[in-house]
Amino acid sequence: MGIREYKTSDVFGISRDLPMNYVSRPSADDAFVDTLTRDRHVVIYGGSKQGKTCLRKHCLREEDYISVQCSNKMDMGALLGAILKQAGFELTQSTKKTISGKQKILAAFKATFLGAGLKAGGEQESQESREVTTAPLELDIHDVNDIIRALAAVEFKKFIILEDFHYLPLETQVDFAVALKAFHESSSFCFIVVGVWLEENRLVVYNGDLTGRVKAIDADRWTEGQLHEVISSGEAFLNVKFTDDFKQQLIQASNQSVYIVQEACYQACVQSKVFSTQALLTTVGEEIDVRGLVKSIVDQQTGRFHSFLTLFSEGFQDTTLKMYRWLLYPVLTSDVKALEAGLPYAVMKERITSRHPEGKDLNLGNLTVALQSVASLQVKKSIKPIILDYDATSRRLCVVDRAFLIWITHQNIKELLGLVDLPL
């Protein structure tokens, strides 16, 4: 019996589908499945490209959920409307208005059923579909109670996934955190919120009433053993063997980024002319400069990182204090280990006031406001994925893109400071 052949691009690297060498993590996969069985809402959080979407794709069948892609243009009404559309409703504007003066919405549910077409004599000929439309419901698209009523009317049973929740305007995120309590108490609908941040209790910070009603799953953490398993699983599909030295150096240089590990393995295979499963066991990585390979991967994002620095430094508008530019000062002048742990508020304050023109007279309220708007500024500037996020619970500024941490170690800091007009 011959060896089944797989493409290298289907095993290693980044793809839209679930990677073939997906590795299940007890701290993430098992915790996620356990939470779903307990009818609680779930928040999957972590850095960029750390496997958040793959986690839910691995643990859920496609027919078990609907998915809404969040954007920075969505207010609460647009978000709830998107949920109804994904659930099968067709929305049109009503002539009536809500108490607040907003236009009501007519929501008609459409469902398609498959039936068997029959030949004369009763022999099945083909599958025929028929569309059934319910009478439209008149509702306030901003009222969570009306949304619950509409979904309950059609006996909706699926999980509701909100992808890229961090892209929503902050006001919408807070409004939804309030609505989530109503969904929990007045319905059996379960939400899965996916976002780029490193703060376990982000939604609870927005709404303390969610304590005990929401379970947060950390998808950011990968142990050395799990990263080794990612590599070895891929080896089996392609009938290749990475050298022990290659694997060890890669995991050390990856900064626990599963994306870097996946992409480096793919590039190493391509360099060794391994484009699909090998007929004979093939060794990969013998003469590859691993650190140089990792550097080349993150260097491909130099344009994106430069763009982030310049756009972020501009802030929402030109101001005298230029707080967003100065937020970058401790980021660019800290070592990578400090950045990885997150920069405490006290460190940010001390570092900024030591060089800012206002010095000790700098109004710290402006610093706090700027930190709280770090994510929303990046969303407004279309910086995707975001690179910085502020953890209000621990009061730390965090880097949520591990590739940026690797990239910055190879940069001339003086040049980066000059890029955003900051002093050395």
Foldseek 3Di string as FASTA:
>chain_A
DAADKDFLVQAFADDPDQRPLDDDDCLFLVVVVVVVVVLFAEEEEFFPQLCSVNSCPVNDPPVQEFEDEDAQVDALLNVLVSQLVSLAWDKDWDPDADPVGHTKIWTKGKDKDWDFDADPVGHTDDIDIDMDIDGTDTGHSNDLVVSQVVCVVVPPRHAYEYEALLNYAPNRLLSVLVSVVVCSPVHSHYYYYYHYDDAQCVSCVSPVVCVVRYGYRYSHADDLVNLVSSVVSSCVQQLEAEDPVLSVVQSVLQLRNSNLSRVLVSVQCVVVVRGMRDSHYYYTDPPDPNLVSSLVVLVVCVVLVLLCLQQQQCFPHDDDQSLSNLLCQCVLPPALVCQAVFAAPVNSVVRSLVFGPCRPVDDCVVNVVSLQCQSVSCSVVVSPPRQWHAHPVRRGIHGSHVSVSSNSVPDDSCVSCVSSVHDD
